[in-house]
PDB file of N, CA and C in Angstrom:
ATOM      1  N   MET A   1       0.852  -1.201  -0.044  1.00  0.00           N
ATOM      2  CA  MET A   1      -0.081   0.060  -0.025  1.00  0.00           C
ATOM      3  C   MET A   1       0.890   1.225  -0.021  1.00  0.00           C
ATOM      4  N   GLN A   2       0.511   2.313  -0.736  1.00  0.00           N
ATOM      5  CA  GLN A   2       1.111   3.440  -0.825  1.00  0.00           C
ATOM      6  C   GLN A   2       1.121   4.225   0.550  1.00  0.00           C
ATOM      7  N   GLN A   3       2.259   4.623   1.041  1.00  0.00           N
ATOM      8  CA  GLN A   3       2.275   5.435   2.270  1.00  0.00           C
ATOM      9  C   GLN A   3       2.499   6.931   1.902  1.00  0.00           C
ATOM     10  N   LYS A   4       1.815   7.681   2.300  1.00  0.00           N
ATOM     11  CA  LYS A   4       1.931   9.192   2.028  1.00  0.00           C
ATOM     12  C   LYS A   4       2.258   9.920   3.379  1.00  0.00           C
ATOM     13  N   ALA A   5       3.119  10.873   3.280  1.00  0.00           N
ATOM     14  CA  ALA A   5       3.572  11.576   4.514  1.00  0.00           C
ATOM     15  C   ALA A   5       2.403  12.558   4.780  1.00  0.00           C
ATOM     16  N   TYR A   6       1.980  12.545   5.907  1.00  0.00           N
ATOM     17  CA  TYR A   6       0.770  13.422   6.346  1.00  0.00           C
ATOM     18  C   TYR A   6       1.387  14.478   7.374  1.00  0.00           C
ATOM     19  N   ASN A   7       0.723  15.601   7.512  1.00  0.00           N
ATOM     20  CA  ASN A   7       1.183  16.684   8.315  1.00  0.00           C
ATOM     21  C   ASN A   7       0.652  16.602   9.800  1.00  0.00           C
ATOM     22  N   PHE A   8       1.084  15.461  10.380  1.00  0.00           N
ATOM     23  CA  PHE A   8       0.803  15.214  11.679  1.00  0.00           C
ATOM     24  C   PHE A   8       1.772  14.187  12.288  1.00  0.00           C
ATOM     25  N   SER A   9       2.165  14.392  13.552  1.00  0.00           N
ATOM     26  CA  SER A   9       3.002  13.368  14.159  1.00  0.00           C
ATOM     27  C   SER A   9       2.125  12.742  15.307  1.00  0.00           C
ATOM     28  N   LEU A  10       2.347  11.524  15.405  1.00  0.00           N
ATOM     29  CA  LEU A  10       1.607  10.698  16.344  1.00  0.00           C
ATOM     30  C   LEU A  10       2.421  10.571  17.657  1.00  0.00           C
ATOM     31  N   PRO A  11       1.873  10.705  18.818  1.00  0.00           N
ATOM     32  CA  PRO A  11       2.635  10.464  20.063  1.00  0.00           C
ATOM     33  C   PRO A  11       3.149   9.047  20.132  1.00  0.00           C
ATOM     34  N   ASP A  12       4.222   8.804  20.949  1.00  0.00           N
ATOM     35  CA  ASP A  12       4.860   7.503  21.077  1.00  0.00           C
ATOM     36  C   ASP A  12       3.882   6.537  21.817  1.00  0.00           C
ATOM     37  N   LYS A  13       2.922   6.034  21.248  1.00  0.00           N
ATOM     38  CA  LYS A  13       2.001   5.112  21.797  1.00  0.00           C
ATOM     39  C   LYS A  13       1.685   3.915  20.784  1.00  0.00           C
ATOM     40  N   ILE A  14       1.183   2.865  21.182  1.00  0.00           N
ATOM     41  CA  ILE A  14       0.903   1.755  20.287  1.00  0.00           C
ATOM     42  C   ILE A  14      -0.524   1.915  19.763  1.00  0.00           C
ATOM     43  N   TYR A  15      -1.488   2.250  20.687  1.00  0.00           N
ATOM     44  CA  TYR A  15      -2.874   2.367  20.265  1.00  0.00           C
ATOM     45  C   TYR A  15      -3.369   3.594  20.710  1.00  0.00           C
ATOM     46  N   PHE A  16      -4.367   4.088  19.905  1.00  0.00           N
ATOM     47  CA  PHE A  16      -5.022   5.393  19.994  1.00  0.00           C
ATOM     48  C   PHE A  16      -6.497   5.291  20.092  1.00  0.00           C
ATOM     49  N   ARG A  17      -7.231   5.928  20.926  1.00  0.00           N
ATOM     50  CA  ARG A  17      -8.615   5.878  20.998  1.00  0.00           C
ATOM     51  C   ARG A  17      -9.260   6.693  19.834  1.00  0.00           C
ATOM     52  N   ILE A  18     -10.551   6.371  19.623  1.00  0.00           N
ATOM     53  CA  ILE A  18     -11.258   7.039  18.491  1.00  0.00           C
ATOM     54  C   ILE A  18     -11.213   8.524  18.593  1.00  0.00           C
ATOM     55  N   GLY A  19     -11.355   9.158  19.753  1.00  0.00           N
ATOM     56  CA  GLY A  19     -11.363  10.533  19.909  1.00  0.00           C
ATOM     57  C   GLY A  19     -10.019  11.218  19.453  1.00  0.00           C
ATOM     58  N   GLU A  20      -8.891  10.438  19.837  1.00  0.00           N
ATOM     59  CA  GLU A  20      -7.577  10.818  19.427  1.00  0.00           C
ATOM     60  C   GLU A  20      -7.313  10.822  17.883  1.00  0.00           C
ATOM     61  N   VAL A  21      -7.804   9.688  17.364  1.00  0.00           N
ATOM     62  CA  VAL A  21      -7.768   9.518  15.906  1.00  0.00           C
ATOM     63  C   VAL A  21      -8.526  10.650  15.221  1.00  0.00           C
ATOM     64  N   SER A  22      -9.674  10.925  15.744  1.00  0.00           N
ATOM     65  CA  SER A  22     -10.510  12.003  15.168  1.00  0.00           C
ATOM     66  C   SER A  22      -9.777  13.353  15.188  1.00  0.00           C
ATOM     67  N   GLU A  23      -9.074  13.647  16.328  1.00  0.00           N
ATOM     68  CA  GLU A  23      -8.245  14.832  16.387  1.00  0.00           C
ATOM     69  C   GLU A  23      -7.190  14.882  15.359  1.00  0.00           C
ATOM     70  N   PHE A  24      -6.425  13.678  15.294  1.00  0.00           N
ATOM     71  CA  PHE A  24      -5.273  13.711  14.421  1.00  0.00           C
ATOM     72  C   PHE A  24      -5.686  13.845  12.939  1.00  0.00           C
ATOM     73  N   THR A  25      -6.777  13.153  12.530  1.00  0.00           N
ATOM     74  CA  THR A  25      -7.192  13.092  11.208  1.00  0.00           C
ATOM     75  C   THR A  25      -8.154  14.152  10.691  1.00  0.00           C
ATOM     76  N   GLY A  26      -8.893  14.794  11.624  1.00  0.00           N
ATOM     77  CA  GLY A  26      -9.965  15.755  11.268  1.00  0.00           C
ATOM     78  C   GLY A  26     -11.223  15.082  10.820  1.00  0.00           C
ATOM     79  N   ILE A  27     -11.380  13.854  11.213  1.00  0.00           N
ATOM     80  CA  ILE A  27     -12.551  13.015  10.784  1.00  0.00           C
ATOM     81  C   ILE A  27     -13.335  12.803  12.055  1.00  0.00           C
ATOM     82  N   LYS A  28     -14.661  12.995  11.919  1.00  0.00           N
ATOM     83  CA  LYS A  28     -15.466  12.827  13.081  1.00  0.00           C
ATOM     84  C   LYS A  28     -15.554  11.279  13.544  1.00  0.00           C
ATOM     85  N   PRO A  29     -15.799  11.061  14.792  1.00  0.00           N
ATOM     86  CA  PRO A  29     -15.862   9.752  15.325  1.00  0.00           C
ATOM     87  C   PRO A  29     -16.937   8.893  14.537  1.00  0.00           C
ATOM     88  N   TYR A  30     -18.148   9.470  14.369  1.00  0.00           N
ATOM     89  CA  TYR A  30     -19.191   8.678  13.607  1.00  0.00           C
ATOM     90  C   TYR A  30     -18.839   8.470  12.120  1.00  0.00           C
ATOM     91  N   VAL A  31     -17.979   9.150  11.514  1.00  0.00           N
ATOM     92  CA  VAL A  31     -17.412   8.942  10.162  1.00  0.00           C
ATOM     93  C   VAL A  31     -16.487   7.764  10.137  1.00  0.00           C
ATOM     94  N   LEU A  32     -15.668   7.797  11.242  1.00  0.00           N
ATOM     95  CA  LEU A  32     -14.636   6.663  11.373  1.00  0.00           C
ATOM     96  C   LEU A  32     -15.362   5.329  11.649  1.00  0.00           C
ATOM     97  N   ARG A  33     -16.435   5.423  12.437  1.00  0.00           N
ATOM     98  CA  ARG A  33     -17.187   4.205  12.673  1.00  0.00           C
ATOM     99  C   ARG A  33     -17.878   3.708  11.426  1.00  0.00           C
ATOM    100  N   TYR A  34     -18.379   4.649  10.610  1.00  0.00           N
ATOM    101  CA  TYR A  34     -19.033   4.295   9.259  1.00  0.00           C
ATOM    102  C   TYR A  34     -18.029   3.761   8.471  1.00  0.00           C
ATOM    103  N   TRP A  35     -16.804   4.330   8.302  1.00  0.00           N
ATOM    104  CA  TRP A  35     -15.795   3.691   7.493  1.00  0.00           C
ATOM    105  C   TRP A  35     -15.344   2.397   7.906  1.00  0.00           C
ATOM    106  N   GLU A  36     -15.346   2.101   9.097  1.00  0.00           N
ATOM    107  CA  GLU A  36     -15.059   0.840   9.661  1.00  0.00           C
ATOM    108  C   GLU A  36     -16.016  -0.218   9.106  1.00  0.00           C
ATOM    109  N   SER A  37     -17.279   0.190   8.969  1.00  0.00           N
ATOM    110  CA  SER A  37     -18.234  -0.795   8.396  1.00  0.00           C
ATOM    111  C   SER A  37     -18.171  -0.925   6.847  1.00  0.00           C
ATOM    112  N   GLU A  38     -17.551  -0.030   6.285  1.00  0.00           N
ATOM    113  CA  GLU A  38     -17.367   0.141   4.793  1.00  0.00           C
ATOM    114  C   GLU A  38     -16.143  -0.491   4.320  1.00  0.00           C
ATOM    115  N   PHE A  39     -15.076  -0.269   4.936  1.00  0.00           N
ATOM    116  CA  PHE A  39     -13.703  -0.668   4.572  1.00  0.00           C
ATOM    117  C   PHE A  39     -13.179  -1.792   5.536  1.00  0.00           C
ATOM    118  N   ASP A  40     -13.002  -3.094   4.863  1.00  0.00           N
ATOM    119  CA  ASP A  40     -12.580  -4.188   5.643  1.00  0.00           C
ATOM    120  C   ASP A  40     -11.208  -3.973   6.251  1.00  0.00           C
ATOM    121  N   GLN A  41     -10.422  -3.116   5.641  1.00  0.00           N
ATOM    122  CA  GLN A  41      -8.993  -2.998   6.119  1.00  0.00           C
ATOM    123  C   GLN A  41      -8.967  -2.258   7.472  1.00  0.00           C
ATOM    124  N   ILE A  42     -10.057  -1.495   7.758  1.00  0.00           N
ATOM    125  CA  ILE A  42     -10.045  -0.722   9.065  1.00  0.00           C
ATOM    126  C   ILE A  42     -10.593  -1.715  10.171  1.00  0.00           C
ATOM    127  N   LYS A  43      -9.764  -2.197  10.944  1.00  0.00           N
ATOM    128  CA  LYS A  43     -10.092  -3.176  11.908  1.00  0.00           C
ATOM    129  C   LYS A  43      -9.434  -2.732  13.313  1.00  0.00           C
ATOM    130  N   PRO A  44     -10.072  -1.862  14.111  1.00  0.00           N
ATOM    131  CA  PRO A  44      -9.473  -1.412  15.375  1.00  0.00           C
ATOM    132  C   PRO A  44      -9.597  -2.512  16.439  1.00  0.00           C
ATOM    133  N   VAL A  45      -8.708  -2.552  17.240  1.00  0.00           N
ATOM    134  CA  VAL A  45      -8.802  -3.555  18.325  1.00  0.00           C
ATOM    135  C   VAL A  45      -9.817  -3.078  19.350  1.00  0.00           C
ATOM    136  N   ARG A  46     -10.666  -3.954  19.772  1.00  0.00           N
ATOM    137  CA  ARG A  46     -11.682  -3.595  20.781  1.00  0.00           C
ATOM    138  C   ARG A  46     -11.274  -4.063  22.165  1.00  0.00           C
ATOM    139  N   ARG A  47     -11.166  -3.223  23.099  1.00  0.00           N
ATOM    140  CA  ARG A  47     -10.926  -3.586  24.528  1.00  0.00           C
ATOM    141  C   ARG A  47     -11.952  -2.736  25.385  1.00  0.00           C
ATOM    142  N   LYS A  48     -12.577  -3.444  26.205  1.00  0.00           N
ATOM    143  CA  LYS A  48     -13.498  -2.770  27.156  1.00  0.00           C
ATOM    144  C   LYS A  48     -14.498  -1.813  26.358  1.00  0.00           C
ATOM    145  N   SER A  49     -15.018  -2.331  25.281  1.00  0.00           N
ATOM    146  CA  SER A  49     -15.974  -1.586  24.479  1.00  0.00           C
ATOM    147  C   SER A  49     -15.399  -0.313  23.831  1.00  0.00           C
ATOM    148  N   GLN A  50     -13.999  -0.186  23.695  1.00  0.00           N
ATOM    149  CA  GLN A  50     -13.448   0.933  23.143  1.00  0.00           C
ATOM    150  C   GLN A  50     -12.745   0.492  21.876  1.00  0.00           C
ATOM    151  N   ARG A  51     -12.775   1.396  20.852  1.00  0.00           N
ATOM    152  CA  ARG A  51     -11.977   1.068  19.667  1.00  0.00           C
ATOM    153  C   ARG A  51     -10.602   1.660  19.801  1.00  0.00           C
ATOM    154  N   LEU A  52      -9.556   0.767  19.590  1.00  0.00           N
ATOM    155  CA  LEU A  52      -8.245   1.254  19.640  1.00  0.00           C
ATOM    156  C   LEU A  52      -7.585   1.087  18.303  1.00  0.00           C
ATOM    157  N   TYR A  53      -6.949   2.109  17.785  1.00  0.00           N
ATOM    158  CA  TYR A  53      -6.411   2.206  16.422  1.00  0.00           C
ATOM    159  C   TYR A  53      -4.844   2.190  16.531  1.00  0.00           C
ATOM    160  N   ASP A  54      -4.239   1.405  15.655  1.00  0.00           N
ATOM    161  CA  ASP A  54      -2.700   1.397  15.634  1.00  0.00           C
ATOM    162  C   ASP A  54      -2.298   2.420  14.508  1.00  0.00           C
ATOM    163  N   ARG A  55      -1.084   2.640  14.448  1.00  0.00           N
ATOM    164  CA  ARG A  55      -0.435   3.617  13.474  1.00  0.00           C
ATOM    165  C   ARG A  55      -0.806   3.217  12.007  1.00  0.00           C
ATOM    166  N   ASP A  56      -0.592   2.028  11.730  1.00  0.00           N
ATOM    167  CA  ASP A  56      -0.903   1.596  10.368  1.00  0.00           C
ATOM    168  C   ASP A  56      -2.362   1.878   9.955  1.00  0.00           C
ATOM    169  N   THR A  57      -3.239   1.672  10.890  1.00  0.00           N
ATOM    170  CA  THR A  57      -4.653   1.948  10.616  1.00  0.00           C
ATOM    171  C   THR A  57      -4.999   3.476  10.386  1.00  0.00           C
ATOM    172  N   ILE A  58      -4.285   4.212  11.204  1.00  0.00           N
ATOM    173  CA  ILE A  58      -4.393   5.704  11.234  1.00  0.00           C
ATOM    174  C   ILE A  58      -3.894   6.221   9.793  1.00  0.00           C
ATOM    175  N   HIS A  59      -2.767   5.600   9.366  1.00  0.00           N
ATOM    176  CA  HIS A  59      -2.214   5.996   8.013  1.00  0.00           C
ATOM    177  C   HIS A  59      -3.260   5.551   6.951  1.00  0.00           C
ATOM    178  N   LEU A  60      -3.859   4.445   7.116  1.00  0.00           N
ATOM    179  CA  LEU A  60      -4.820   3.896   6.034  1.00  0.00           C
ATOM    180  C   LEU A  60      -5.995   4.919   6.132  1.00  0.00           C
ATOM    181  N   ILE A  61      -6.430   5.359   7.307  1.00  0.00           N
ATOM    182  CA  ILE A  61      -7.567   6.263   7.410  1.00  0.00           C
ATOM    183  C   ILE A  61      -7.204   7.457   6.629  1.00  0.00           C
ATOM    184  N   MET A  62      -6.015   8.059   6.777  1.00  0.00           N
ATOM    185  CA  MET A  62      -5.604   9.238   6.083  1.00  0.00           C
ATOM    186  C   MET A  62      -5.686   8.957   4.579  1.00  0.00           C
ATOM    187  N   ARG A  63      -5.156   7.810   4.154  1.00  0.00           N
ATOM    188  CA  ARG A  63      -5.131   7.484   2.744  1.00  0.00           C
ATOM    189  C   ARG A  63      -6.627   7.494   2.215  1.00  0.00           C
ATOM    190  N   ILE A  64      -7.534   7.031   2.958  1.00  0.00           N
ATOM    191  CA  ILE A  64      -8.835   6.880   2.472  1.00  0.00           C
ATOM    192  C   ILE A  64      -9.486   8.240   2.568  1.00  0.00           C
ATOM    193  N   LYS A  65      -9.078   9.054   3.571  1.00  0.00           N
ATOM    194  CA  LYS A  65      -9.504  10.462   3.626  1.00  0.00           C
ATOM    195  C   LYS A  65      -9.034  11.291   2.326  1.00  0.00           C
ATOM    196  N   ASP A  66      -7.860  11.057   1.941  1.00  0.00           N
ATOM    197  CA  ASP A  66      -7.283  11.651   0.718  1.00  0.00           C
ATOM    198  C   ASP A  66      -7.982  11.170  -0.484  1.00  0.00           C
ATOM    199  N   MET A  67      -8.254   9.967  -0.562  1.00  0.00           N
ATOM    200  CA  MET A  67      -8.975   9.378  -1.806  1.00  0.00           C
ATOM    201  C   MET A  67     -10.356  10.031  -1.913  1.00  0.00           C
ATOM    202  N   LEU A  68     -11.114  10.098  -0.777  1.00  0.00           N
ATOM    203  CA  LEU A  68     -12.491  10.486  -0.796  1.00  0.00           C
ATOM    204  C   LEU A  68     -12.696  11.927  -0.900  1.00  0.00           C
ATOM    205  N   TYR A  69     -11.846  12.854  -0.188  1.00  0.00           N
ATOM    206  CA  TYR A  69     -12.013  14.246  -0.119  1.00  0.00           C
ATOM    207  C   TYR A  69     -11.193  15.050  -1.048  1.00  0.00           C
ATOM    208  N   GLU A  70      -9.963  14.483  -1.311  1.00  0.00           N
ATOM    209  CA  GLU A  70      -9.079  15.224  -2.291  1.00  0.00           C
ATOM    210  C   GLU A  70      -9.168  14.694  -3.674  1.00  0.00           C
ATOM    211  N   GLN A  71      -9.230  13.402  -3.827  1.00  0.00           N
ATOM    212  CA  GLN A  71      -9.192  12.811  -5.158  1.00  0.00           C
ATOM    213  C   GLN A  71     -10.584  12.576  -5.764  1.00  0.00           C
ATOM    214  N   ASN A  72     -11.620  12.806  -4.889  1.00  0.00           N
ATOM    215  CA  ASN A  72     -13.060  12.692  -5.258  1.00  0.00           C
ATOM    216  C   ASN A  72     -13.475  11.308  -5.675  1.00  0.00           C
ATOM    217  N   PHE A  73     -12.875  10.253  -4.978  1.00  0.00           N
ATOM    218  CA  PHE A  73     -13.312   8.878  -5.223  1.00  0.00           C
ATOM    219  C   PHE A  73     -14.658   8.690  -4.599  1.00  0.00           C
ATOM    220  N   THR A  74     -15.422   7.788  -5.059  1.00  0.00           N
ATOM    221  CA  THR A  74     -16.590   7.230  -4.343  1.00  0.00           C
ATOM    222  C   THR A  74     -16.066   6.301  -3.329  1.00  0.00           C
ATOM    223  N   ILE A  75     -17.005   5.859  -2.441  1.00  0.00           N
ATOM    224  CA  ILE A  75     -16.624   4.811  -1.473  1.00  0.00           C
ATOM    225  C   ILE A  75     -16.195   3.598  -2.181  1.00  0.00           C
ATOM    226  N   ALA A  76     -17.117   3.220  -3.169  1.00  0.00           N
ATOM    227  CA  ALA A  76     -16.785   1.948  -3.911  1.00  0.00           C
ATOM    228  C   ALA A  76     -15.485   2.112  -4.649  1.00  0.00           C
ATOM    229  N   GLY A  77     -15.231   3.372  -5.222  1.00  0.00           N
ATOM    230  CA  GLY A  77     -13.894   3.485  -5.985  1.00  0.00           C
ATOM    231  C   GLY A  77     -12.770   3.368  -5.025  1.00  0.00           C
ATOM    232  N   ALA A  78     -12.898   3.990  -3.868  1.00  0.00           N
ATOM    233  CA  ALA A  78     -11.766   3.866  -2.842  1.00  0.00           C
ATOM    234  C   ALA A  78     -11.550   2.482  -2.429  1.00  0.00           C
ATOM    235  N   LYS A  79     -12.638   1.696  -2.250  1.00  0.00           N
ATOM    236  CA  LYS A  79     -12.430   0.333  -1.898  1.00  0.00           C
ATOM    237  C   LYS A  79     -11.801  -0.576  -2.964  1.00  0.00           C
ATOM    238  N   LYS A  80     -12.198  -0.174  -4.219  1.00  0.00           N
ATOM    239  CA  LYS A  80     -11.533  -0.953  -5.235  1.00  0.00           C
ATOM    240  C   LYS A  80     -10.096  -0.500  -5.413  1.00  0.00           C
ATOM    241  N   GLN A  81      -9.815   0.665  -5.263  1.00  0.00           N
ATOM    242  CA  GLN A  81      -8.431   1.245  -5.340  1.00  0.00           C
ATOM    243  C   GLN A  81      -7.522   0.503  -4.194  1.00  0.00           C
ATOM    244  N   LEU A  82      -8.046   0.423  -3.074  1.00  0.00           N
ATOM    245  CA  LEU A  82      -7.286  -0.219  -1.891  1.00  0.00           C
ATOM    246  C   LEU A  82      -7.130  -1.698  -2.190  1.00  0.00           C
ATOM    247  N   TYR A  83      -8.150  -2.281  -2.603  1.00  0.00           N
ATOM    248  CA  TYR A  83      -8.125  -3.773  -3.040  1.00  0.00           C
ATOM    249  C   TYR A  83      -7.062  -3.991  -4.098  1.00  0.00           C
ATOM    250  N   ASP A  84      -7.036  -3.210  -5.097  1.00  0.00           N
ATOM    251  CA  ASP A  84      -6.088  -3.305  -6.236  1.00  0.00           C
ATOM    252  C   ASP A  84      -4.736  -3.107  -5.717  1.00  0.00           C
ATOM    253  N   GLU A  85      -4.465  -2.109  -4.957  1.00  0.00           N
ATOM    254  CA  GLU A  85      -3.178  -1.741  -4.414  1.00  0.00           C
ATOM    255  C   GLU A  85      -2.660  -2.900  -3.558  1.00  0.00           C
ATOM    256  N   GLN A  86      -3.442  -3.442  -2.732  1.00  0.00           N
ATOM    257  CA  GLN A  86      -3.075  -4.654  -1.955  1.00  0.00           C
ATOM    258  C   GLN A  86      -2.760  -5.869  -2.697  1.00  0.00           C
ATOM    259  N   ASN A  87      -3.478  -6.131  -3.801  1.00  0.00           N
ATOM    260  CA  ASN A  87      -3.248  -7.295  -4.675  1.00  0.00           C
ATOM    261  C   ASN A  87      -2.242  -7.074  -5.913  1.00  0.00           C
ATOM    262  N   GLY A  88      -1.688  -5.791  -5.931  1.00  0.00           N
ATOM    263  CA  GLY A  88      -0.828  -5.545  -7.024  1.00  0.00           C
ATOM    264  C   GLY A  88      -1.491  -5.444  -8.395  1.00  0.00           C
ATOM    265  N   ASN A  89      -2.767  -5.276  -8.469  1.00  0.00           N
ATOM    266  CA  ASN A  89      -3.428  -5.157  -9.670  1.00  0.00           C
ATOM    267  C   ASN A  89      -3.703  -3.844 -10.195  1.00  0.00           C
ATOM    268  N   ASN A  90      -3.041  -2.783  -9.817  1.00  0.00           N
ATOM    269  CA  ASN A  90      -3.429  -1.531 -10.063  1.00  0.00           C
ATOM    270  C   ASN A  90      -2.504  -1.004 -11.248  1.00  0.00           C
ATOM    271  N   PRO A  91      -3.043  -0.919 -12.443  1.00  0.00           N
ATOM    272  CA  PRO A  91      -2.193  -0.366 -13.570  1.00  0.00           C
ATOM    273  C   PRO A  91      -2.066   1.142 -13.467  1.00  0.00           C
ATOM    274  N   PHE A  92      -2.722   1.838 -12.582  1.00  0.00           N
ATOM    275  CA  PHE A  92      -2.571   3.269 -12.455  1.00  0.00           C
ATOM    276  C   PHE A  92      -2.087   3.644 -11.082  1.00  0.00           C
ATOM    277  N   SER A  93      -1.122   2.831 -10.699  1.00  0.00           N
ATOM    278  CA  SER A  93      -0.615   3.118  -9.362  1.00  0.00           C
ATOM    279  C   SER A  93       0.383   4.270  -9.507  1.00  0.00           C
ATOM    280  N   VAL A  94       0.787   4.890  -8.365  1.00  0.00           N
ATOM    281  CA  VAL A  94       1.647   5.946  -8.309  1.00  0.00           C
ATOM    282  C   VAL A  94       3.055   5.621  -8.942  1.00  0.00           C
ATOM    283  N   GLN A  95       3.473   4.430  -8.771  1.00  0.00           N
ATOM    284  CA  GLN A  95       4.710   4.008  -9.246  1.00  0.00           C
ATOM    285  C   GLN A  95       4.671   4.056 -10.785  1.00  0.00           C
ATOM    286  N   ASN A  96       3.573   3.471 -11.427  1.00  0.00           N
ATOM    287  CA  ASN A  96       3.470   3.632 -12.820  1.00  0.00           C
ATOM    288  C   ASN A  96       3.344   4.982 -13.369  1.00  0.00           C
ATOM    289  N   ASP A  97       2.623   5.909 -12.636  1.00  0.00           N
ATOM    290  CA  ASP A  97       2.597   7.284 -12.938  1.00  0.00           C
ATOM    291  C   ASP A  97       4.009   7.887 -12.898  1.00  0.00           C
ATOM    292  N   LYS A  98       4.759   7.671 -11.893  1.00  0.00           N
ATOM    293  CA  LYS A  98       6.091   8.219 -11.797  1.00  0.00           C
ATOM    294  C   LYS A  98       6.984   7.777 -13.030  1.00  0.00           C
ATOM    295  N   GLN A  99       6.828   6.516 -13.351  1.00  0.00           N
ATOM    296  CA  GLN A  99       7.583   6.038 -14.432  1.00  0.00           C
ATOM    297  C   GLN A  99       7.238   6.691 -15.745  1.00  0.00           C
ATOM    298  N   PHE A 100       5.866   6.752 -15.981  1.00  0.00           N
ATOM    299  CA  PHE A 100       5.334   7.379 -17.213  1.00  0.00           C
ATOM    300  C   PHE A 100       5.906   8.793 -17.310  1.00  0.00           C
ATOM    301  N   LEU A 101       5.790   9.473 -16.187  1.00  0.00           N
ATOM    302  CA  LEU A 101       6.182  10.915 -16.245  1.00  0.00           C
ATOM    303  C   LEU A 101       7.804  11.090 -16.467  1.00  0.00           C
ATOM    304  N   ARG A 102       8.564  10.125 -15.923  1.00  0.00           N
ATOM    305  CA  ARG A 102      10.002  10.196 -16.190  1.00  0.00           C
ATOM    306  C   ARG A 102      10.198   9.999 -17.752  1.00  0.00           C
ATOM    307  N   GLU A 103       9.540   8.945 -18.242  1.00  0.00           N
ATOM    308  CA  GLU A 103       9.732   8.731 -19.680  1.00  0.00           C
ATOM    309  C   GLU A 103       9.325   9.900 -20.494  1.00  0.00           C
ATOM    310  N   MET A 104       8.145  10.521 -20.215  1.00  0.00           N
ATOM    311  CA  MET A 104       7.729  11.685 -20.873  1.00  0.00           C
ATOM    312  C   MET A 104       8.729  12.850 -20.780  1.00  0.00           C
ATOM    313  N   LEU A 105       9.263  13.038 -19.574  1.00  0.00           N
ATOM    314  CA  LEU A 105      10.221  14.081 -19.366  1.00  0.00           C
ATOM    315  C   LEU A 105      11.496  13.837 -20.147  1.00  0.00           C
ATOM    316  N   ASN A 106      11.993  12.547 -20.202  1.00  0.00           N
ATOM    317  CA  ASN A 106      13.136  12.164 -21.117  1.00  0.00           C
ATOM    318  C   ASN A 106      12.835  12.461 -22.544  1.00  0.00           C
ATOM    319  N   GLU A 107      11.708  12.077 -22.917  1.00  0.00           N
ATOM    320  CA  GLU A 107      11.356  12.304 -24.389  1.00  0.00           C
ATOM    321  C   GLU A 107      11.258  13.738 -24.655  1.00  0.00           C
ATOM    322  N   LEU A 108      10.700  14.610 -23.801  1.00  0.00           N
ATOM    323  CA  LEU A 108      10.579  16.032 -24.034  1.00  0.00           C
ATOM    324  C   LEU A 108      12.008  16.674 -24.135  1.00  0.00           C
ATOM    325  N   ARG A 109      12.921  16.174 -23.216  1.00  0.00           N
ATOM    326  CA  ARG A 109      14.286  16.699 -23.175  1.00  0.00           C
ATOM    327  C   ARG A 109      14.987  16.304 -24.587  1.00  0.00           C
ATOM    328  N   HIS A 110      14.720  15.109 -24.947  1.00  0.00           N
ATOM    329  CA  HIS A 110      15.318  14.620 -26.140  1.00  0.00           C
ATOM    330  C   HIS A 110      14.840  15.555 -27.404  1.00  0.00           C
ATOM    331  N   ILE A 111      13.497  15.827 -27.495  1.00  0.00           N
ATOM    332  CA  ILE A 111      12.965  16.681 -28.391  1.00  0.00           C
ATOM    333  C   ILE A 111      13.586  18.081 -28.386  1.00  0.00           C
ATOM    334  N   LYS A 112      13.658  18.627 -27.210  1.00  0.00           N
ATOM    335  CA  LYS A 112      14.214  20.049 -26.950  1.00  0.00           C
ATOM    336  C   LYS A 112      15.639  20.000 -27.533  1.00  0.00           C
ATOM    337  N   ASN A 113      16.435  19.005 -27.168  1.00  0.00           N
ATOM    338  CA  ASN A 113      17.813  19.048 -27.560  1.00  0.00           C
ATOM    339  C   ASN A 113      18.032  18.898 -29.062  1.00  0.00           C
ATOM    340  N   SER A 114      16.967  18.254 -29.727  1.00  0.00           N
ATOM    341  CA  SER A 114      17.194  18.116 -31.176  1.00  0.00           C
ATOM    342  C   SER A 114      16.635  19.256 -31.958  1.00  0.00           C
ATOM    343  N   ILE A 115      15.986  20.184 -31.281  1.00  0.00           N
ATOM    344  CA  ILE A 115      15.570  21.393 -31.978  1.00  0.00           C
ATOM    345  C   ILE A 115      16.595  22.528 -32.167  1.00  0.00           C
TER     346      ILE A 115
END
């Protein structure tokens, strides 16, 4: 899965409560609970009827937030994207995009130099 650097740093803890995750991510707790029901990848640990999220899950939540709010994916589209990334079936992955852009840049440089 692609990891993107986000503008927050997490305290040195193993698990975080839903309220803390809400503060870090800017996502309301009821939205986090809904996403939990929609995305199989979000599986918080439950202890004493509390949801506890680990760092990987928080980064996944931020990835989903980016897809839904910044890239305008639908929930179904975000699910498919995550599934494809996990299974290596994504022809439009960031790695492929970077490679394509490098090839285009090299080609443009070649054209510029030949003019």
